[in-house]
Amino acid sequence: MNGDPSKPEIAAAQAYFVIQTHRMEQRDALTADEKRLRERDKVRVAFKNVSGVARDAGLPSHKQALFHDARSQGLYGMSARDVKAVKGLKPDDNLFEFAGAYELSANEFQMNMAADVIEKEAIRGSERVIRKNKAIAQQVRNLMARNGATMPEDLPVEEPIKDVRRRVGLEKKKMLSPPRKGPSA
């Protein structure tokens, strides 16, 4: 905005647009973070759901790790341990905490589909449930490959989700805080 900034109306308008531009830039930067946080939360819900469906289908608690590793084998083409090694993560790291929104959405889609199919087909028994989970993960992987998508094992490791949550929380607090007033005249 052009004008004489010595005039109070022009100075106020310029200040307003500077502030609004800065706020929009902050909001745009947070959009990717917020999307990733939403996807991570959806994965958490899908994980609990598919775990419950598998349990109800006869998968005992001590085989849940095998069930979830079958997803990794199908979706990534390797075990969860190998995925972590390829991505440079520690063995005890949670892969989902370092996955981007796209990788999270692929996992969430697979888990939701597996839960649905296992229930609808009334699949029962540990081995059958694990096989079905892996088969669905392989189908998701094949769909990605057929369409030329980046394969999940080739996706980069992202900033830890806990750091994103902290940053987004701080940014929201800043945006919600009333503007600081200067010294009184």
N, C-alpha and C. Protein backbone atom coordinates (compact mmCIF):
# COMPACT_ATOMS: atom_id res chain seq x y z
N MET A 1 0.84 -1.16 0.00
CA MET A 1 0.00 0.00 0.00
C MET A 1 0.89 1.23 0.00
N ASN A 2 0.69 2.09 -0.98
CA ASN A 2 1.47 3.33 -1.06
C ASN A 2 0.70 4.44 -0.39
N GLY A 3 1.42 5.35 0.14
CA GLY A 3 0.82 6.51 0.80
C GLY A 3 1.84 7.10 1.76
N ASP A 4 1.49 8.19 2.30
CA ASP A 4 2.37 8.90 3.22
C ASP A 4 2.22 8.31 4.61
N PRO A 5 3.24 7.55 5.08
CA PRO A 5 3.12 6.90 6.38
C PRO A 5 3.11 7.88 7.56
N SER A 6 3.37 9.15 7.28
CA SER A 6 3.30 10.11 8.39
C SER A 6 1.85 10.44 8.74
N LYS A 7 0.93 10.11 7.84
CA LYS A 7 -0.49 10.31 8.12
C LYS A 7 -0.96 9.11 8.96
N PRO A 8 -1.62 9.37 10.07
CA PRO A 8 -2.02 8.28 10.98
C PRO A 8 -2.89 7.21 10.31
N GLU A 9 -3.78 7.60 9.42
CA GLU A 9 -4.66 6.63 8.77
C GLU A 9 -3.86 5.69 7.87
N ILE A 10 -2.89 6.26 7.13
CA ILE A 10 -2.05 5.44 6.24
C ILE A 10 -1.15 4.52 7.08
N ALA A 11 -0.55 5.04 8.12
CA ALA A 11 0.33 4.24 8.98
C ALA A 11 -0.46 3.10 9.62
N ALA A 12 -1.67 3.37 10.07
CA ALA A 12 -2.49 2.33 10.68
C ALA A 12 -2.85 1.25 9.66
N ALA A 13 -3.22 1.66 8.46
CA ALA A 13 -3.57 0.70 7.41
C ALA A 13 -2.36 -0.15 7.04
N GLN A 14 -1.19 0.46 6.91
CA GLN A 14 0.02 -0.29 6.58
C GLN A 14 0.36 -1.29 7.69
N ALA A 15 0.24 -0.85 8.92
CA ALA A 15 0.52 -1.75 10.05
C ALA A 15 -0.46 -2.92 10.05
N TYR A 16 -1.72 -2.62 9.78
CA TYR A 16 -2.75 -3.66 9.74
C TYR A 16 -2.39 -4.72 8.69
N PHE A 17 -2.02 -4.29 7.50
CA PHE A 17 -1.72 -5.24 6.44
C PHE A 17 -0.43 -6.03 6.71
N VAL A 18 0.53 -5.41 7.36
CA VAL A 18 1.74 -6.13 7.75
C VAL A 18 1.38 -7.25 8.73
N ILE A 19 0.56 -6.92 9.71
CA ILE A 19 0.16 -7.91 10.72
C ILE A 19 -0.65 -9.03 10.08
N GLN A 20 -1.60 -8.68 9.23
CA GLN A 20 -2.44 -9.69 8.59
C GLN A 20 -1.63 -10.60 7.67
N THR A 21 -0.68 -10.01 6.94
CA THR A 21 0.18 -10.81 6.07
C THR A 21 1.00 -11.79 6.89
N HIS A 22 1.55 -11.31 8.00
CA HIS A 22 2.33 -12.19 8.88
C HIS A 22 1.47 -13.32 9.43
N ARG A 23 0.25 -13.00 9.85
CA ARG A 23 -0.66 -14.03 10.38
C ARG A 23 -0.98 -15.08 9.32
N MET A 24 -1.22 -14.64 8.10
CA MET A 24 -1.52 -15.59 7.02
C MET A 24 -0.31 -16.47 6.70
N GLU A 25 0.86 -15.89 6.72
CA GLU A 25 2.07 -16.69 6.48
C GLU A 25 2.23 -17.74 7.56
N GLN A 26 1.96 -17.38 8.82
CA GLN A 26 2.04 -18.34 9.91
C GLN A 26 1.00 -19.44 9.73
N ARG A 27 -0.22 -19.07 9.36
CA ARG A 27 -1.29 -20.05 9.17
C ARG A 27 -0.95 -21.01 8.04
N ASP A 28 -0.42 -20.48 6.94
CA ASP A 28 -0.05 -21.35 5.83
C ASP A 28 1.05 -22.33 6.22
N ALA A 29 2.00 -21.87 7.02
CA ALA A 29 3.08 -22.74 7.46
C ALA A 29 2.55 -23.84 8.38
N LEU A 30 1.54 -23.56 9.16
CA LEU A 30 0.99 -24.54 10.08
C LEU A 30 0.10 -25.56 9.39
N THR A 31 -0.39 -25.23 8.23
CA THR A 31 -1.32 -26.12 7.57
C THR A 31 -0.74 -27.53 7.39
N ALA A 32 0.48 -27.65 6.93
CA ALA A 32 1.09 -28.97 6.73
C ALA A 32 1.27 -29.68 8.07
N ASP A 33 1.67 -28.94 9.09
CA ASP A 33 1.83 -29.53 10.42
C ASP A 33 0.49 -30.02 10.95
N GLU A 34 -0.52 -29.20 10.83
CA GLU A 34 -1.84 -29.58 11.34
C GLU A 34 -2.40 -30.78 10.59
N LYS A 35 -2.15 -30.83 9.30
CA LYS A 35 -2.60 -31.99 8.52
C LYS A 35 -1.91 -33.25 9.02
N ARG A 36 -0.63 -33.15 9.26
CA ARG A 36 0.12 -34.31 9.76
C ARG A 36 -0.40 -34.74 11.13
N LEU A 37 -0.68 -33.78 11.99
CA LEU A 37 -1.20 -34.11 13.32
C LEU A 37 -2.57 -34.79 13.22
N ARG A 38 -3.41 -34.31 12.31
CA ARG A 38 -4.72 -34.95 12.13
C ARG A 38 -4.55 -36.37 11.63
N GLU A 39 -3.64 -36.58 10.67
CA GLU A 39 -3.40 -37.92 10.15
C GLU A 39 -2.85 -38.83 11.24
N ARG A 40 -1.98 -38.31 12.08
CA ARG A 40 -1.42 -39.14 13.17
C ARG A 40 -2.52 -39.56 14.12
N ASP A 41 -3.42 -38.65 14.43
CA ASP A 41 -4.53 -38.99 15.32
C ASP A 41 -5.45 -40.02 14.68
N LYS A 42 -5.67 -39.91 13.38
CA LYS A 42 -6.51 -40.89 12.68
C LYS A 42 -5.85 -42.26 12.69
N VAL A 43 -4.52 -42.31 12.56
CA VAL A 43 -3.80 -43.58 12.61
C VAL A 43 -3.94 -44.21 14.00
N ARG A 44 -3.87 -43.39 15.03
CA ARG A 44 -4.01 -43.90 16.40
C ARG A 44 -5.38 -44.58 16.57
N VAL A 45 -6.43 -43.94 16.06
CA VAL A 45 -7.78 -44.50 16.15
C VAL A 45 -7.88 -45.77 15.32
N ALA A 46 -7.36 -45.75 14.08
CA ALA A 46 -7.43 -46.92 13.21
C ALA A 46 -6.65 -48.10 13.81
N PHE A 47 -5.52 -47.81 14.42
CA PHE A 47 -4.69 -48.85 15.04
C PHE A 47 -5.48 -49.54 16.15
N LYS A 48 -6.11 -48.75 17.00
CA LYS A 48 -6.91 -49.33 18.09
C LYS A 48 -8.07 -50.14 17.53
N ASN A 49 -8.71 -49.62 16.50
CA ASN A 49 -9.85 -50.30 15.90
C ASN A 49 -9.45 -51.64 15.29
N VAL A 50 -8.42 -51.64 14.46
CA VAL A 50 -8.03 -52.89 13.80
C VAL A 50 -7.48 -53.89 14.82
N SER A 51 -6.83 -53.40 15.86
CA SER A 51 -6.36 -54.29 16.93
C SER A 51 -7.54 -54.96 17.63
N GLY A 52 -8.58 -54.19 17.89
CA GLY A 52 -9.78 -54.73 18.52
C GLY A 52 -10.50 -55.73 17.64
N VAL A 53 -10.60 -55.42 16.35
CA VAL A 53 -11.23 -56.34 15.41
C VAL A 53 -10.45 -57.64 15.35
N ALA A 54 -9.13 -57.55 15.30
CA ALA A 54 -8.30 -58.75 15.26
C ALA A 54 -8.47 -59.57 16.54
N ARG A 55 -8.51 -58.89 17.67
CA ARG A 55 -8.72 -59.59 18.96
C ARG A 55 -10.07 -60.30 18.95
N ASP A 56 -11.11 -59.61 18.49
CA ASP A 56 -12.45 -60.22 18.44
C ASP A 56 -12.51 -61.39 17.46
N ALA A 57 -11.60 -61.40 16.49
CA ALA A 57 -11.55 -62.49 15.51
C ALA A 57 -10.71 -63.66 16.00
N GLY A 58 -10.22 -63.55 17.23
CA GLY A 58 -9.48 -64.67 17.80
C GLY A 58 -7.98 -64.49 17.88
N LEU A 59 -7.48 -63.31 17.61
CA LEU A 59 -6.04 -63.07 17.70
C LEU A 59 -5.68 -62.75 19.15
N PRO A 60 -4.89 -63.60 19.79
CA PRO A 60 -4.53 -63.33 21.19
C PRO A 60 -3.57 -62.14 21.29
N SER A 61 -3.54 -61.55 22.45
CA SER A 61 -2.70 -60.37 22.70
C SER A 61 -1.24 -60.59 22.32
N HIS A 62 -0.72 -61.77 22.63
CA HIS A 62 0.70 -62.00 22.37
C HIS A 62 1.02 -62.11 20.88
N LYS A 63 0.01 -62.13 20.02
CA LYS A 63 0.25 -62.17 18.57
C LYS A 63 -0.07 -60.84 17.88
N GLN A 64 -0.44 -59.83 18.66
CA GLN A 64 -0.74 -58.52 18.06
C GLN A 64 0.48 -57.96 17.31
N ALA A 65 1.66 -58.14 17.86
CA ALA A 65 2.86 -57.62 17.19
C ALA A 65 3.05 -58.28 15.82
N LEU A 66 2.78 -59.58 15.73
CA LEU A 66 2.88 -60.28 14.44
C LEU A 66 1.84 -59.74 13.45
N PHE A 67 0.65 -59.47 13.96
CA PHE A 67 -0.43 -58.93 13.14
C PHE A 67 -0.03 -57.58 12.55
N HIS A 68 0.52 -56.71 13.39
CA HIS A 68 0.90 -55.37 12.91
C HIS A 68 2.15 -55.43 12.04
N ASP A 69 3.04 -56.38 12.32
CA ASP A 69 4.21 -56.52 11.45
C ASP A 69 3.80 -57.02 10.06
N ALA A 70 2.73 -57.78 10.00
CA ALA A 70 2.22 -58.24 8.69
C ALA A 70 1.83 -57.04 7.83
N ARG A 71 1.30 -55.98 8.46
CA ARG A 71 0.98 -54.76 7.72
C ARG A 71 2.26 -54.17 7.14
N SER A 72 3.31 -54.10 7.96
CA SER A 72 4.58 -53.56 7.47
C SER A 72 5.12 -54.39 6.32
N GLN A 73 5.07 -55.71 6.47
CA GLN A 73 5.58 -56.58 5.41
C GLN A 73 4.82 -56.36 4.10
N GLY A 74 3.51 -56.20 4.20
CA GLY A 74 2.72 -56.00 3.00
C GLY A 74 2.85 -54.60 2.42
N LEU A 75 2.78 -53.59 3.27
CA LEU A 75 2.78 -52.21 2.81
C LEU A 75 4.17 -51.70 2.43
N TYR A 76 5.18 -52.11 3.18
CA TYR A 76 6.55 -51.63 2.95
C TYR A 76 7.42 -52.67 2.24
N GLY A 77 6.93 -53.92 2.17
CA GLY A 77 7.73 -54.97 1.56
C GLY A 77 8.82 -55.48 2.48
N MET A 78 8.72 -55.17 3.78
CA MET A 78 9.72 -55.62 4.75
C MET A 78 9.15 -55.48 6.16
N SER A 79 9.81 -56.09 7.10
CA SER A 79 9.34 -56.04 8.50
C SER A 79 9.46 -54.62 9.04
N ALA A 80 8.74 -54.36 10.10
CA ALA A 80 8.81 -53.04 10.75
C ALA A 80 10.23 -52.75 11.21
N ARG A 81 10.92 -53.75 11.71
CA ARG A 81 12.31 -53.56 12.14
C ARG A 81 13.18 -53.11 10.97
N ASP A 82 12.99 -53.75 9.81
CA ASP A 82 13.77 -53.37 8.63
C ASP A 82 13.40 -51.98 8.11
N VAL A 83 12.12 -51.64 8.18
CA VAL A 83 11.69 -50.30 7.76
C VAL A 83 12.40 -49.25 8.61
N LYS A 84 12.43 -49.47 9.91
CA LYS A 84 13.10 -48.53 10.81
C LYS A 84 14.59 -48.42 10.47
N ALA A 85 15.21 -49.55 10.19
CA ALA A 85 16.64 -49.54 9.84
C ALA A 85 16.87 -48.76 8.54
N VAL A 86 16.05 -49.01 7.54
CA VAL A 86 16.17 -48.32 6.25
C VAL A 86 16.01 -46.81 6.43
N LYS A 87 15.10 -46.44 7.32
CA LYS A 87 14.82 -45.02 7.54
C LYS A 87 15.74 -44.38 8.58
N GLY A 88 16.65 -45.18 9.15
CA GLY A 88 17.60 -44.64 10.11
C GLY A 88 17.00 -44.37 11.49
N LEU A 89 15.93 -45.07 11.80
CA LEU A 89 15.30 -44.92 13.12
C LEU A 89 15.83 -45.97 14.07
N LYS A 90 15.68 -45.72 15.36
CA LYS A 90 16.08 -46.68 16.37
C LYS A 90 15.03 -47.79 16.45
N PRO A 91 15.43 -49.00 16.85
CA PRO A 91 14.48 -50.11 16.93
C PRO A 91 13.26 -49.84 17.80
N ASP A 92 13.42 -49.03 18.85
CA ASP A 92 12.28 -48.78 19.73
C ASP A 92 11.47 -47.54 19.33
N ASP A 93 11.84 -46.87 18.24
CA ASP A 93 11.07 -45.73 17.75
C ASP A 93 9.75 -46.20 17.17
N ASN A 94 8.72 -45.40 17.33
CA ASN A 94 7.43 -45.67 16.71
C ASN A 94 7.46 -45.04 15.32
N LEU A 95 7.38 -45.86 14.30
CA LEU A 95 7.46 -45.37 12.92
C LEU A 95 6.46 -44.26 12.65
N PHE A 96 5.25 -44.37 13.20
CA PHE A 96 4.21 -43.39 12.95
C PHE A 96 4.59 -42.01 13.49
N GLU A 97 5.45 -41.95 14.48
CA GLU A 97 5.85 -40.68 15.06
C GLU A 97 6.80 -39.92 14.15
N PHE A 98 7.33 -40.59 13.12
CA PHE A 98 8.28 -39.96 12.20
C PHE A 98 7.78 -39.97 10.76
N ALA A 99 6.54 -40.39 10.56
CA ALA A 99 5.96 -40.48 9.23
C ALA A 99 5.27 -39.17 8.87
N GLY A 100 5.31 -38.85 7.58
CA GLY A 100 4.60 -37.68 7.09
C GLY A 100 3.14 -38.02 6.85
N ALA A 101 2.38 -37.00 6.46
CA ALA A 101 0.93 -37.16 6.29
C ALA A 101 0.59 -38.23 5.25
N TYR A 102 1.33 -38.28 4.16
CA TYR A 102 1.05 -39.26 3.10
C TYR A 102 1.27 -40.69 3.59
N GLU A 103 2.38 -40.91 4.25
CA GLU A 103 2.68 -42.25 4.78
C GLU A 103 1.68 -42.65 5.86
N LEU A 104 1.32 -41.71 6.69
CA LEU A 104 0.31 -41.97 7.72
C LEU A 104 -1.03 -42.33 7.08
N SER A 105 -1.40 -41.61 6.04
CA SER A 105 -2.71 -41.88 5.42
C SER A 105 -2.73 -43.25 4.75
N ALA A 106 -1.61 -43.70 4.19
CA ALA A 106 -1.55 -45.04 3.59
C ALA A 106 -1.74 -46.10 4.67
N ASN A 107 -1.11 -45.91 5.81
CA ASN A 107 -1.26 -46.87 6.93
C ASN A 107 -2.67 -46.84 7.48
N GLU A 108 -3.24 -45.67 7.62
CA GLU A 108 -4.60 -45.55 8.15
C GLU A 108 -5.60 -46.23 7.21
N PHE A 109 -5.43 -46.00 5.91
CA PHE A 109 -6.31 -46.62 4.92
C PHE A 109 -6.23 -48.14 5.02
N GLN A 110 -5.02 -48.67 5.10
CA GLN A 110 -4.83 -50.11 5.20
C GLN A 110 -5.48 -50.66 6.46
N MET A 111 -5.29 -50.00 7.58
CA MET A 111 -5.86 -50.50 8.84
C MET A 111 -7.38 -50.47 8.81
N ASN A 112 -7.95 -49.39 8.29
CA ASN A 112 -9.41 -49.31 8.21
C ASN A 112 -9.97 -50.37 7.28
N MET A 113 -9.30 -50.60 6.15
CA MET A 113 -9.76 -51.61 5.21
C MET A 113 -9.64 -53.00 5.83
N ALA A 114 -8.53 -53.27 6.49
CA ALA A 114 -8.35 -54.58 7.12
C ALA A 114 -9.42 -54.83 8.17
N ALA A 115 -9.71 -53.84 8.99
CA ALA A 115 -10.75 -54.00 10.02
C ALA A 115 -12.09 -54.30 9.37
N ASP A 116 -12.41 -53.58 8.33
CA ASP A 116 -13.69 -53.77 7.65
C ASP A 116 -13.79 -55.17 7.03
N VAL A 117 -12.76 -55.58 6.31
CA VAL A 117 -12.79 -56.87 5.61
C VAL A 117 -12.81 -58.03 6.61
N ILE A 118 -12.00 -57.94 7.65
CA ILE A 118 -11.97 -59.02 8.64
C ILE A 118 -13.34 -59.19 9.28
N GLU A 119 -14.01 -58.08 9.57
CA GLU A 119 -15.36 -58.17 10.15
C GLU A 119 -16.37 -58.68 9.14
N LYS A 120 -16.39 -58.10 7.93
CA LYS A 120 -17.40 -58.47 6.94
C LYS A 120 -17.27 -59.91 6.47
N GLU A 121 -16.03 -60.37 6.35
CA GLU A 121 -15.82 -61.74 5.90
C GLU A 121 -15.82 -62.72 7.08
N ALA A 122 -16.02 -62.19 8.28
CA ALA A 122 -16.06 -63.01 9.50
C ALA A 122 -14.85 -63.95 9.58
N ILE A 123 -13.69 -63.39 9.31
CA ILE A 123 -12.45 -64.16 9.37
C ILE A 123 -12.15 -64.46 10.84
N ARG A 124 -11.78 -65.70 11.11
CA ARG A 124 -11.51 -66.14 12.47
C ARG A 124 -10.20 -66.91 12.50
N GLY A 125 -9.51 -66.77 13.62
CA GLY A 125 -8.26 -67.51 13.81
C GLY A 125 -7.04 -66.63 13.54
N SER A 126 -6.04 -66.80 14.38
CA SER A 126 -4.83 -65.97 14.31
C SER A 126 -4.19 -65.94 12.94
N GLU A 127 -3.89 -67.11 12.41
CA GLU A 127 -3.16 -67.18 11.14
C GLU A 127 -3.96 -66.56 9.99
N ARG A 128 -5.25 -66.83 9.95
CA ARG A 128 -6.09 -66.27 8.88
C ARG A 128 -6.19 -64.74 8.98
N VAL A 129 -6.30 -64.24 10.20
CA VAL A 129 -6.39 -62.79 10.41
C VAL A 129 -5.08 -62.12 10.01
N ILE A 130 -3.97 -62.71 10.40
CA ILE A 130 -2.66 -62.15 10.05
C ILE A 130 -2.45 -62.18 8.54
N ARG A 131 -2.81 -63.29 7.90
CA ARG A 131 -2.67 -63.40 6.43
C ARG A 131 -3.52 -62.36 5.72
N LYS A 132 -4.74 -62.16 6.18
CA LYS A 132 -5.63 -61.19 5.55
C LYS A 132 -5.08 -59.77 5.71
N ASN A 133 -4.57 -59.47 6.88
CA ASN A 133 -3.99 -58.15 7.13
C ASN A 133 -2.84 -57.87 6.16
N LYS A 134 -1.97 -58.86 6.01
CA LYS A 134 -0.82 -58.72 5.10
C LYS A 134 -1.30 -58.60 3.65
N ALA A 135 -2.29 -59.40 3.25
CA ALA A 135 -2.80 -59.35 1.87
C ALA A 135 -3.38 -57.98 1.55
N ILE A 136 -4.11 -57.42 2.48
CA ILE A 136 -4.68 -56.09 2.25
C ILE A 136 -3.58 -55.05 2.15
N ALA A 137 -2.57 -55.16 2.99
CA ALA A 137 -1.44 -54.24 2.93
C ALA A 137 -0.72 -54.36 1.58
N GLN A 138 -0.57 -55.59 1.07
CA GLN A 138 0.06 -55.79 -0.23
C GLN A 138 -0.79 -55.17 -1.34
N GLN A 139 -2.11 -55.25 -1.21
CA GLN A 139 -2.99 -54.64 -2.21
C GLN A 139 -2.85 -53.12 -2.21
N VAL A 140 -2.73 -52.53 -1.03
CA VAL A 140 -2.52 -51.08 -0.95
C VAL A 140 -1.18 -50.73 -1.58
N ARG A 141 -0.16 -51.51 -1.28
CA ARG A 141 1.17 -51.26 -1.87
C ARG A 141 1.11 -51.38 -3.40
N ASN A 142 0.43 -52.42 -3.90
CA ASN A 142 0.32 -52.60 -5.35
C ASN A 142 -0.42 -51.44 -6.00
N LEU A 143 -1.45 -50.94 -5.34
CA LEU A 143 -2.18 -49.79 -5.86
C LEU A 143 -1.26 -48.58 -5.96
N MET A 144 -0.45 -48.37 -4.95
CA MET A 144 0.50 -47.26 -4.96
C MET A 144 1.49 -47.42 -6.12
N ALA A 145 2.02 -48.62 -6.28
CA ALA A 145 3.00 -48.87 -7.34
C ALA A 145 2.38 -48.69 -8.72
N ARG A 146 1.19 -49.24 -8.91
CA ARG A 146 0.50 -49.12 -10.21
C ARG A 146 0.27 -47.67 -10.61
N ASN A 147 0.07 -46.82 -9.63
CA ASN A 147 -0.23 -45.43 -9.92
C ASN A 147 1.00 -44.53 -9.89
N GLY A 148 2.17 -45.12 -9.72
CA GLY A 148 3.41 -44.35 -9.76
C GLY A 148 3.67 -43.53 -8.50
N ALA A 149 3.01 -43.88 -7.42
CA ALA A 149 3.20 -43.15 -6.16
C ALA A 149 4.55 -43.51 -5.54
N THR A 150 5.04 -42.63 -4.71
CA THR A 150 6.25 -42.93 -3.96
C THR A 150 5.93 -44.04 -2.97
N MET A 151 6.77 -45.04 -2.96
CA MET A 151 6.55 -46.17 -2.07
C MET A 151 6.87 -45.74 -0.63
N PRO A 152 6.14 -46.29 0.33
CA PRO A 152 6.28 -45.80 1.71
C PRO A 152 7.69 -45.91 2.29
N GLU A 153 8.41 -46.95 1.91
CA GLU A 153 9.77 -47.10 2.45
C GLU A 153 10.71 -46.03 1.89
N ASP A 154 10.33 -45.39 0.78
CA ASP A 154 11.16 -44.36 0.17
C ASP A 154 10.82 -42.95 0.65
N LEU A 155 9.79 -42.83 1.46
CA LEU A 155 9.41 -41.52 1.98
C LEU A 155 10.37 -41.09 3.08
N PRO A 156 10.66 -39.80 3.15
CA PRO A 156 11.63 -39.34 4.16
C PRO A 156 11.07 -39.42 5.57
N VAL A 157 12.00 -39.49 6.50
CA VAL A 157 11.66 -39.41 7.92
C VAL A 157 11.34 -37.94 8.20
N GLU A 158 10.27 -37.73 8.94
CA GLU A 158 9.85 -36.37 9.27
C GLU A 158 10.27 -36.02 10.70
N GLU A 159 10.14 -34.77 11.01
CA GLU A 159 10.40 -34.27 12.36
C GLU A 159 9.51 -35.05 13.34
N PRO A 160 10.03 -35.39 14.52
CA PRO A 160 9.21 -36.14 15.48
C PRO A 160 7.87 -35.42 15.74
N ILE A 161 6.82 -36.19 15.78
CA ILE A 161 5.47 -35.63 15.93
C ILE A 161 5.32 -34.85 17.24
N LYS A 162 6.04 -35.26 18.28
CA LYS A 162 5.96 -34.53 19.55
C LYS A 162 6.46 -33.10 19.38
N ASP A 163 7.47 -32.90 18.55
CA ASP A 163 7.97 -31.55 18.30
C ASP A 163 6.97 -30.74 17.50
N VAL A 164 6.29 -31.39 16.56
CA VAL A 164 5.27 -30.71 15.77
C VAL A 164 4.11 -30.30 16.68
N ARG A 165 3.68 -31.21 17.55
CA ARG A 165 2.59 -30.88 18.48
C ARG A 165 2.96 -29.68 19.34
N ARG A 166 4.18 -29.67 19.83
CA ARG A 166 4.63 -28.57 20.67
C ARG A 166 4.63 -27.26 19.88
N ARG A 167 5.18 -27.27 18.67
CA ARG A 167 5.25 -26.06 17.85
C ARG A 167 3.86 -25.55 17.50
N VAL A 168 2.98 -26.45 17.07
CA VAL A 168 1.63 -26.04 16.71
C VAL A 168 0.92 -25.46 17.92
N GLY A 169 1.10 -26.09 19.07
CA GLY A 169 0.49 -25.57 20.30
C GLY A 169 0.99 -24.18 20.63
N LEU A 170 2.29 -23.97 20.48
CA LEU A 170 2.86 -22.65 20.76
C LEU A 170 2.36 -21.62 19.77
N GLU A 171 2.29 -22.00 18.49
CA GLU A 171 1.82 -21.07 17.47
C GLU A 171 0.36 -20.70 17.69
N LYS A 172 -0.45 -21.67 18.07
CA LYS A 172 -1.86 -21.38 18.32
C LYS A 172 -1.99 -20.43 19.50
N LYS A 173 -1.17 -20.64 20.53
CA LYS A 173 -1.22 -19.74 21.69
C LYS A 173 -0.86 -18.31 21.26
N LYS A 174 0.16 -18.19 20.40
CA LYS A 174 0.57 -16.87 19.93
C LYS A 174 -0.56 -16.20 19.15
N MET A 175 -1.20 -17.00 18.29
CA MET A 175 -2.25 -16.43 17.45
C MET A 175 -3.48 -16.06 18.27
N LEU A 176 -3.73 -16.75 19.37
CA LEU A 176 -4.91 -16.48 20.19
C LEU A 176 -4.65 -15.40 21.24
N SER A 177 -3.37 -15.15 21.53
CA SER A 177 -3.05 -14.15 22.54
C SER A 177 -3.41 -12.75 22.03
N PRO A 178 -3.94 -11.92 22.92
CA PRO A 178 -4.23 -10.55 22.50
C PRO A 178 -2.92 -9.82 22.22
N PRO A 179 -2.94 -8.90 21.28
CA PRO A 179 -1.71 -8.18 20.96
C PRO A 179 -1.21 -7.40 22.18
N ARG A 180 0.09 -7.35 22.30
CA ARG A 180 0.68 -6.62 23.43
C ARG A 180 0.53 -5.13 23.16
N LYS A 181 0.22 -4.46 24.20
CA LYS A 181 0.10 -2.99 24.09
C LYS A 181 1.42 -2.38 24.48
N GLY A 182 1.74 -1.31 23.81
CA GLY A 182 2.96 -0.58 24.12
C GLY A 182 2.79 0.19 25.42
N PRO A 183 3.84 0.90 25.79
CA PRO A 183 3.78 1.67 27.04
C PRO A 183 2.68 2.73 26.96
N SER A 184 2.06 2.95 28.06
CA SER A 184 0.99 3.95 28.10
C SER A 184 1.56 5.34 27.91
N ALA A 185 0.78 6.19 27.27
CA ALA A 185 1.24 7.57 27.03
C ALA A 185 0.89 8.47 28.16
